[in-house]
C-alpha cells in the first residue's frame, strides 16, 4: 500500500476591504475568524 505524498501547507491571504456584509464597516482579519465557522459564497451575474 503506497502513502500519498504530503502537500505543502499554504496560508490563505488576508481578506482586504471594508465591504463585507454585517461587519459595520470595520476591518476584519483571518485571525479574528480562526476557530469559527465561516461561509464564503462566491457568485457572479453572467454578462447578458
N, C-alpha and C. Protein backbone atom coordinates (compact mmCIF):
# COMPACT_ATOMS: atom_id res chain seq x y z
N UNK A 1 0.85 -1.17 0.00
CA UNK A 1 0.00 0.00 0.00
C UNK A 1 0.90 1.24 0.00
N UNK A 2 0.68 2.13 -0.95
CA UNK A 2 1.50 3.33 -1.02
C UNK A 2 0.83 4.48 -0.27
N UNK A 3 1.63 5.36 0.26
CA UNK A 3 1.14 6.53 1.00
C UNK A 3 1.20 7.74 0.08
N UNK A 4 0.12 8.50 0.06
CA UNK A 4 0.07 9.69 -0.79
C UNK A 4 1.07 10.74 -0.27
N UNK A 5 1.76 11.43 -1.17
CA UNK A 5 2.71 12.45 -0.73
C UNK A 5 1.99 13.61 -0.04
N UNK A 6 2.64 14.17 0.98
CA UNK A 6 2.06 15.32 1.69
C UNK A 6 2.27 16.58 0.87
N UNK A 7 1.22 17.35 0.72
CA UNK A 7 1.30 18.61 0.01
C UNK A 7 1.74 19.70 0.98
N UNK A 8 2.46 20.70 0.49
CA UNK A 8 2.87 21.79 1.39
C UNK A 8 1.65 22.59 1.85
N UNK A 9 1.71 23.08 3.09
CA UNK A 9 0.62 23.90 3.61
C UNK A 9 0.74 25.30 3.04
N UNK A 10 -0.40 25.86 2.65
CA UNK A 10 -0.43 27.20 2.06
C UNK A 10 -1.32 28.07 2.93
N UNK A 11 -0.81 29.24 3.31
CA UNK A 11 -1.61 30.18 4.11
C UNK A 11 -2.56 30.96 3.21
N UNK A 12 -3.75 31.18 3.70
CA UNK A 12 -4.72 31.99 2.96
C UNK A 12 -4.32 33.45 3.04
N UNK A 13 -4.58 34.19 1.98
CA UNK A 13 -4.29 35.62 2.00
C UNK A 13 -5.34 36.34 2.84
N UNK A 14 -4.99 37.51 3.35
CA UNK A 14 -5.90 38.29 4.18
C UNK A 14 -7.11 38.76 3.36
N UNK A 15 -8.22 38.96 4.04
CA UNK A 15 -9.42 39.50 3.42
C UNK A 15 -9.29 41.01 3.45
N UNK A 16 -9.15 41.62 2.29
CA UNK A 16 -8.94 43.07 2.22
C UNK A 16 -10.23 43.77 1.85
N UNK A 17 -10.44 44.95 2.40
CA UNK A 17 -11.61 45.75 2.06
C UNK A 17 -12.56 45.86 3.23
N UNK A 18 -13.49 46.80 3.10
CA UNK A 18 -14.47 47.04 4.16
C UNK A 18 -15.89 46.68 3.72
N UNK A 19 -16.05 46.11 2.56
CA UNK A 19 -17.38 45.84 2.04
C UNK A 19 -17.96 44.49 2.45
N UNK A 20 -17.51 43.96 3.57
CA UNK A 20 -18.02 42.66 4.00
C UNK A 20 -19.34 42.84 4.71
N UNK A 21 -20.28 41.98 4.42
CA UNK A 21 -21.63 42.03 4.98
C UNK A 21 -21.59 41.85 6.50
N UNK A 22 -22.37 42.63 7.20
CA UNK A 22 -22.56 42.53 8.65
C UNK A 22 -21.30 42.80 9.46
N UNK A 23 -20.39 43.62 8.95
CA UNK A 23 -19.20 43.98 9.72
C UNK A 23 -19.29 45.41 10.24
N UNK A 24 -20.31 46.14 9.86
CA UNK A 24 -20.46 47.52 10.30
C UNK A 24 -19.38 48.44 9.75
N UNK A 25 -18.76 48.05 8.65
CA UNK A 25 -17.73 48.88 8.03
C UNK A 25 -16.35 48.72 8.64
N UNK A 26 -16.21 47.86 9.66
CA UNK A 26 -14.89 47.70 10.27
C UNK A 26 -14.10 46.62 9.55
N UNK A 27 -12.79 46.71 9.65
CA UNK A 27 -11.91 45.73 9.02
C UNK A 27 -11.96 44.43 9.82
N UNK A 28 -11.88 43.31 9.14
CA UNK A 28 -11.79 42.02 9.81
C UNK A 28 -10.52 41.32 9.35
N UNK A 29 -9.99 40.46 10.19
CA UNK A 29 -8.79 39.71 9.84
C UNK A 29 -9.07 38.22 9.96
N UNK A 30 -8.24 37.43 9.31
CA UNK A 30 -8.40 35.99 9.42
C UNK A 30 -8.16 35.51 10.85
N UNK A 31 -7.29 36.20 11.58
CA UNK A 31 -7.02 35.84 12.97
C UNK A 31 -8.29 35.94 13.81
N UNK A 32 -9.14 36.92 13.52
CA UNK A 32 -10.41 37.06 14.26
C UNK A 32 -11.37 35.91 13.95
N UNK A 33 -11.23 35.32 12.78
CA UNK A 33 -12.15 34.27 12.35
C UNK A 33 -11.66 32.87 12.69
N UNK A 34 -10.43 32.75 13.16
CA UNK A 34 -9.86 31.44 13.46
C UNK A 34 -10.71 30.70 14.48
N UNK A 35 -11.04 29.44 14.18
CA UNK A 35 -11.84 28.61 15.07
C UNK A 35 -13.33 28.80 14.92
N UNK A 36 -13.76 29.70 14.03
CA UNK A 36 -15.18 29.94 13.81
C UNK A 36 -15.61 29.35 12.48
N UNK A 37 -16.88 29.06 12.36
CA UNK A 37 -17.43 28.58 11.10
C UNK A 37 -17.61 29.78 10.18
N UNK A 38 -17.12 29.68 8.97
CA UNK A 38 -17.18 30.78 8.02
C UNK A 38 -17.75 30.26 6.71
N UNK A 39 -18.78 30.89 6.22
CA UNK A 39 -19.39 30.51 4.94
C UNK A 39 -19.02 31.56 3.91
N UNK A 40 -18.30 31.15 2.89
CA UNK A 40 -17.96 32.03 1.78
C UNK A 40 -18.84 31.65 0.60
N UNK A 41 -19.57 32.59 0.10
CA UNK A 41 -20.48 32.34 -1.02
C UNK A 41 -20.00 33.17 -2.20
N UNK A 42 -19.42 32.51 -3.19
CA UNK A 42 -18.92 33.18 -4.38
C UNK A 42 -19.98 33.09 -5.47
N UNK A 43 -20.38 34.21 -6.00
CA UNK A 43 -21.36 34.22 -7.07
C UNK A 43 -21.09 35.38 -8.01
N UNK A 44 -21.65 35.29 -9.17
CA UNK A 44 -21.50 36.35 -10.16
C UNK A 44 -22.72 36.34 -11.08
N UNK A 45 -22.97 37.45 -11.70
CA UNK A 45 -24.01 37.53 -12.70
C UNK A 45 -23.35 37.51 -14.06
N UNK A 46 -23.67 36.54 -14.88
CA UNK A 46 -23.01 36.49 -16.20
C UNK A 46 -23.47 37.68 -17.06
N UNK A 47 -22.57 38.11 -17.91
CA UNK A 47 -22.89 39.19 -18.84
C UNK A 47 -23.99 38.74 -19.78
N UNK A 48 -24.95 39.56 -19.96
CA UNK A 48 -26.10 39.19 -20.81
C UNK A 48 -25.95 39.85 -22.17
